[in-house]
Amino acid sequence: METGSLFFSFIKMISALAVVLGLMIGAAWFLKRIGARTGMGIPDGQLIRVVSSSYIGPKNSIVVVDVLGELLVVGISGTQMTLLTSISDEGKLNKLREIRTGALPQVSLINSIMSYKEKMKNAGIGKGSK
């Protein structure tokens, strides 16, 4: 008789656990759906946009951020964010826009190596010179 009651207690415990887990998953799904509908989630990035970022060391980077049309340069470390400067010079803004759109020519690694090799050859350093 004791084995039967232990088995039924186990089944009762497992079913209660399944109900609780089901309620938790349902609540999470409901909150996610309500949050997406009412706009409580993460913004879509129209107000704040990361224009460029550069890694400079362990847990350190510099980021150019567009906030409502104003460009800010922010230093980010593992523990803090620091405003370095804001870019307001029209010449620099135009150059940054040209870089972002790809209007400036990009220099590849192969082209850099080939031009370096050509400079060395012209200077007389290399295989052919003695």
C-alpha atoms as a PDB file:
ATOM      1  CA  MET A   1       0.000   0.000   0.000  1.00  0.00           C
ATOM      2  CA  GLU A   2       2.844   2.367   0.782  1.00  0.00           C
ATOM      3  CA  THR A   3       4.406   1.877  -2.672  1.00  0.00           C
ATOM      4  CA  GLY A   4       1.126   2.873  -4.345  1.00  0.00           C
ATOM      5  CA  SER A   5       0.783   6.062  -2.305  1.00  0.00           C
ATOM      6  CA  LEU A   6       4.433   6.969  -3.035  1.00  0.00           C
ATOM      7  CA  PHE A   7       3.798   6.488  -6.758  1.00  0.00           C
ATOM      8  CA  PHE A   8       0.650   8.637  -6.652  1.00  0.00           C
ATOM      9  CA  SER A   9       2.503  11.343  -4.667  1.00  0.00           C
ATOM     10  CA  PHE A  10       5.213  11.364  -7.297  1.00  0.00           C
ATOM     11  CA  ILE A  11       2.653  11.684 -10.134  1.00  0.00           C
ATOM     12  CA  LYS A  12       0.879  14.470  -8.229  1.00  0.00           C
ATOM     13  CA  MET A  13       4.184  16.347  -7.724  1.00  0.00           C
ATOM     14  CA  ILE A  14       5.162  16.021 -11.418  1.00  0.00           C
ATOM     15  CA  SER A  15       1.750  17.231 -12.595  1.00  0.00           C
ATOM     16  CA  ALA A  16       1.889  20.222 -10.219  1.00  0.00           C
ATOM     17  CA  LEU A  17       5.367  21.065 -11.536  1.00  0.00           C
ATOM     18  CA  ALA A  18       4.103  20.855 -15.129  1.00  0.00           C
ATOM     19  CA  VAL A  19       1.211  23.212 -14.324  1.00  0.00           C
ATOM     20  CA  VAL A  20       3.517  25.753 -12.636  1.00  0.00           C
ATOM     21  CA  LEU A  21       6.023  25.647 -15.520  1.00  0.00           C
ATOM     22  CA  GLY A  22       3.185  25.997 -18.033  1.00  0.00           C
ATOM     23  CA  LEU A  23       1.866  29.067 -16.194  1.00  0.00           C
ATOM     24  CA  MET A  24       5.351  30.635 -16.118  1.00  0.00           C
ATOM     25  CA  ILE A  25       5.923  30.054 -19.844  1.00  0.00           C
ATOM     26  CA  GLY A  26       2.443  31.387 -20.646  1.00  0.00           C
ATOM     27  CA  ALA A  27       3.012  34.511 -18.547  1.00  0.00           C
ATOM     28  CA  ALA A  28       6.381  35.167 -20.225  1.00  0.00           C
ATOM     29  CA  TRP A  29       4.827  34.770 -23.691  1.00  0.00           C
ATOM     30  CA  PHE A  30       1.928  37.073 -22.739  1.00  0.00           C
ATOM     31  CA  LEU A  31       4.230  39.779 -21.340  1.00  0.00           C
ATOM     32  CA  LYS A  32       6.459  39.601 -24.401  1.00  0.00           C
ATOM     33  CA  ARG A  33       3.482  39.967 -26.712  1.00  0.00           C
ATOM     34  CA  ILE A  34       1.971  42.857 -24.727  1.00  0.00           C
ATOM     35  CA  GLY A  35       5.394  44.560 -24.524  1.00  0.00           C
ATOM     36  CA  ALA A  36       5.900  44.353 -28.291  1.00  0.00           C
ATOM     37  CA  ARG A  37       2.434  45.713 -28.968  1.00  0.00           C
ATOM     38  CA  THR A  38       2.692  48.691 -26.614  1.00  0.00           C
ATOM     39  CA  GLY A  39       6.273  49.600 -27.522  1.00  0.00           C
ATOM     40  CA  MET A  40       7.770  48.771 -24.137  1.00  0.00           C
ATOM     41  CA  GLY A  41      10.607  46.810 -25.716  1.00  0.00           C
ATOM     42  CA  ILE A  42      13.936  47.992 -27.077  1.00  0.00           C
ATOM     43  CA  PRO A  43      13.591  50.928 -29.477  1.00  0.00           C
ATOM     44  CA  ASP A  44      14.077  50.217 -33.154  1.00  0.00           C
ATOM     45  CA  GLY A  45      17.196  52.398 -33.366  1.00  0.00           C
ATOM     46  CA  GLN A  46      15.798  55.410 -35.173  1.00  0.00           C
ATOM     47  CA  LEU A  47      16.596  57.852 -32.384  1.00  0.00           C
ATOM     48  CA  ILE A  48      20.007  56.460 -31.433  1.00  0.00           C
ATOM     49  CA  ARG A  49      22.270  54.813 -34.012  1.00  0.00           C
ATOM     50  CA  VAL A  50      25.857  53.567 -33.701  1.00  0.00           C
ATOM     51  CA  VAL A  51      27.673  54.998 -36.716  1.00  0.00           C
ATOM     52  CA  SER A  52      31.075  53.450 -36.089  1.00  0.00           C
ATOM     53  CA  SER A  53      32.977  51.670 -33.348  1.00  0.00           C
ATOM     54  CA  SER A  54      36.626  50.830 -32.883  1.00  0.00           C
ATOM     55  CA  TYR A  55      38.127  48.386 -30.397  1.00  0.00           C
ATOM     56  CA  ILE A  56      41.221  49.883 -28.701  1.00  0.00           C
ATOM     57  CA  GLY A  57      42.004  47.391 -25.950  1.00  0.00           C
ATOM     58  CA  PRO A  58      40.560  44.863 -23.525  1.00  0.00           C
ATOM     59  CA  LYS A  59      37.051  46.087 -22.650  1.00  0.00           C
ATOM     60  CA  ASN A  60      37.825  49.497 -24.223  1.00  0.00           C
ATOM     61  CA  SER A  61      36.387  50.987 -27.379  1.00  0.00           C
ATOM     62  CA  ILE A  62      35.518  54.286 -28.997  1.00  0.00           C
ATOM     63  CA  VAL A  63      32.069  54.651 -30.528  1.00  0.00           C
ATOM     64  CA  VAL A  64      30.581  57.338 -32.777  1.00  0.00           C
ATOM     65  CA  VAL A  65      26.874  57.614 -31.999  1.00  0.00           C
ATOM     66  CA  ASP A  66      24.190  59.567 -33.865  1.00  0.00           C
ATOM     67  CA  VAL A  67      21.658  60.886 -31.348  1.00  0.00           C
ATOM     68  CA  LEU A  68      18.836  62.824 -33.005  1.00  0.00           C
ATOM     69  CA  GLY A  69      21.168  64.016 -35.774  1.00  0.00           C
ATOM     70  CA  GLU A  70      24.043  65.023 -33.480  1.00  0.00           C
ATOM     71  CA  LEU A  71      27.235  62.968 -33.647  1.00  0.00           C
ATOM     72  CA  LEU A  72      28.854  62.112 -30.317  1.00  0.00           C
ATOM     73  CA  VAL A  73      32.176  60.362 -29.761  1.00  0.00           C
ATOM     74  CA  VAL A  74      31.981  58.176 -26.662  1.00  0.00           C
ATOM     75  CA  GLY A  75      34.740  56.224 -24.920  1.00  0.00           C
ATOM     76  CA  ILE A  76      33.525  52.954 -23.433  1.00  0.00           C
ATOM     77  CA  SER A  77      35.394  50.923 -20.825  1.00  0.00           C
ATOM     78  CA  GLY A  78      34.349  47.965 -18.726  1.00  0.00           C
ATOM     79  CA  THR A  79      32.871  50.184 -16.032  1.00  0.00           C
ATOM     80  CA  GLN A  80      31.897  53.518 -17.583  1.00  0.00           C
ATOM     81  CA  MET A  81      31.054  55.579 -20.649  1.00  0.00           C
ATOM     82  CA  THR A  82      32.664  58.978 -21.203  1.00  0.00           C
ATOM     83  CA  LEU A  83      31.713  61.638 -23.727  1.00  0.00           C
ATOM     84  CA  LEU A  84      34.938  62.488 -25.542  1.00  0.00           C
ATOM     85  CA  THR A  85      33.623  65.088 -27.967  1.00  0.00           C
ATOM     86  CA  SER A  86      30.760  65.954 -30.260  1.00  0.00           C
ATOM     87  CA  ILE A  87      31.319  66.445 -33.980  1.00  0.00           C
ATOM     88  CA  SER A  88      29.811  69.646 -35.310  1.00  0.00           C
ATOM     89  CA  ASP A  89      32.304  70.671 -38.055  1.00  0.00           C
ATOM     90  CA  GLU A  90      30.525  70.395 -41.434  1.00  0.00           C
ATOM     91  CA  GLY A  91      33.691  69.250 -43.235  1.00  0.00           C
ATOM     92  CA  LYS A  92      34.207  66.378 -40.831  1.00  0.00           C
ATOM     93  CA  LEU A  93      30.522  65.460 -40.970  1.00  0.00           C
ATOM     94  CA  ASN A  94      30.611  65.344 -44.782  1.00  0.00           C
ATOM     95  CA  LYS A  95      33.767  63.206 -44.742  1.00  0.00           C
ATOM     96  CA  LEU A  96      32.150  60.809 -42.265  1.00  0.00           C
ATOM     97  CA  ARG A  97      29.059  60.572 -44.478  1.00  0.00           C
ATOM     98  CA  GLU A  98      31.266  59.829 -47.512  1.00  0.00           C
ATOM     99  CA  ILE A  99      33.064  57.063 -45.612  1.00  0.00           C
ATOM    100  CA  ARG A 100      29.732  55.562 -44.483  1.00  0.00           C
ATOM    101  CA  THR A 101      28.290  55.578 -47.997  1.00  0.00           C
ATOM    102  CA  GLY A 102      31.473  54.156 -49.537  1.00  0.00           C
ATOM    103  CA  ALA A 103      32.208  57.205 -51.708  1.00  0.00           C
ATOM    104  CA  LEU A 104      35.863  57.226 -50.642  1.00  0.00           C
ATOM    105  CA  PRO A 105      38.122  54.602 -52.203  1.00  0.00           C
ATOM    106  CA  GLN A 106      38.966  51.677 -49.941  1.00  0.00           C
ATOM    107  CA  VAL A 107      42.582  50.521 -49.804  1.00  0.00           C
ATOM    108  CA  SER A 108      42.902  46.762 -49.632  1.00  0.00           C
ATOM    109  CA  LEU A 109      45.723  44.858 -47.979  1.00  0.00           C
ATOM    110  CA  ILE A 110      46.862  43.424 -51.323  1.00  0.00           C
ATOM    111  CA  ASN A 111      47.129  46.904 -52.862  1.00  0.00           C
ATOM    112  CA  SER A 112      49.129  48.112 -49.857  1.00  0.00           C
ATOM    113  CA  ILE A 113      51.558  45.191 -50.104  1.00  0.00           C
ATOM    114  CA  MET A 114      51.965  45.629 -53.875  1.00  0.00           C
ATOM    115  CA  SER A 115      52.697  49.364 -53.537  1.00  0.00           C
ATOM    116  CA  TYR A 116      55.209  48.654 -50.733  1.00  0.00           C
ATOM    117  CA  LYS A 117      56.878  46.007 -52.909  1.00  0.00           C
ATOM    118  CA  GLU A 118      57.068  48.474 -55.813  1.00  0.00           C
ATOM    119  CA  LYS A 119      58.640  51.130 -53.573  1.00  0.00           C
ATOM    120  CA  MET A 120      61.248  48.637 -52.373  1.00  0.00           C
ATOM    121  CA  LYS A 121      62.025  47.600 -55.932  1.00  0.00           C
ATOM    122  CA  ASN A 122      62.461  51.236 -57.003  1.00  0.00           C
ATOM    123  CA  ALA A 123      64.736  51.892 -54.032  1.00  0.00           C
ATOM    124  CA  GLY A 124      66.989  48.992 -55.062  1.00  0.00           C
ATOM    125  CA  ILE A 125      66.141  46.782 -52.095  1.00  0.00           C
ATOM    126  CA  GLY A 126      65.136  43.263 -52.985  1.00  0.00           C
ATOM    127  CA  LYS A 127      66.113  40.198 -55.000  1.00  0.00           C
ATOM    128  CA  GLY A 128      67.408  41.865 -58.139  1.00  0.00           C
ATOM    129  CA  SER A 129      69.899  44.277 -56.498  1.00  0.00           C
ATOM    130  CA  LYS A 130      73.465  43.426 -55.436  1.00  0.00           C
END
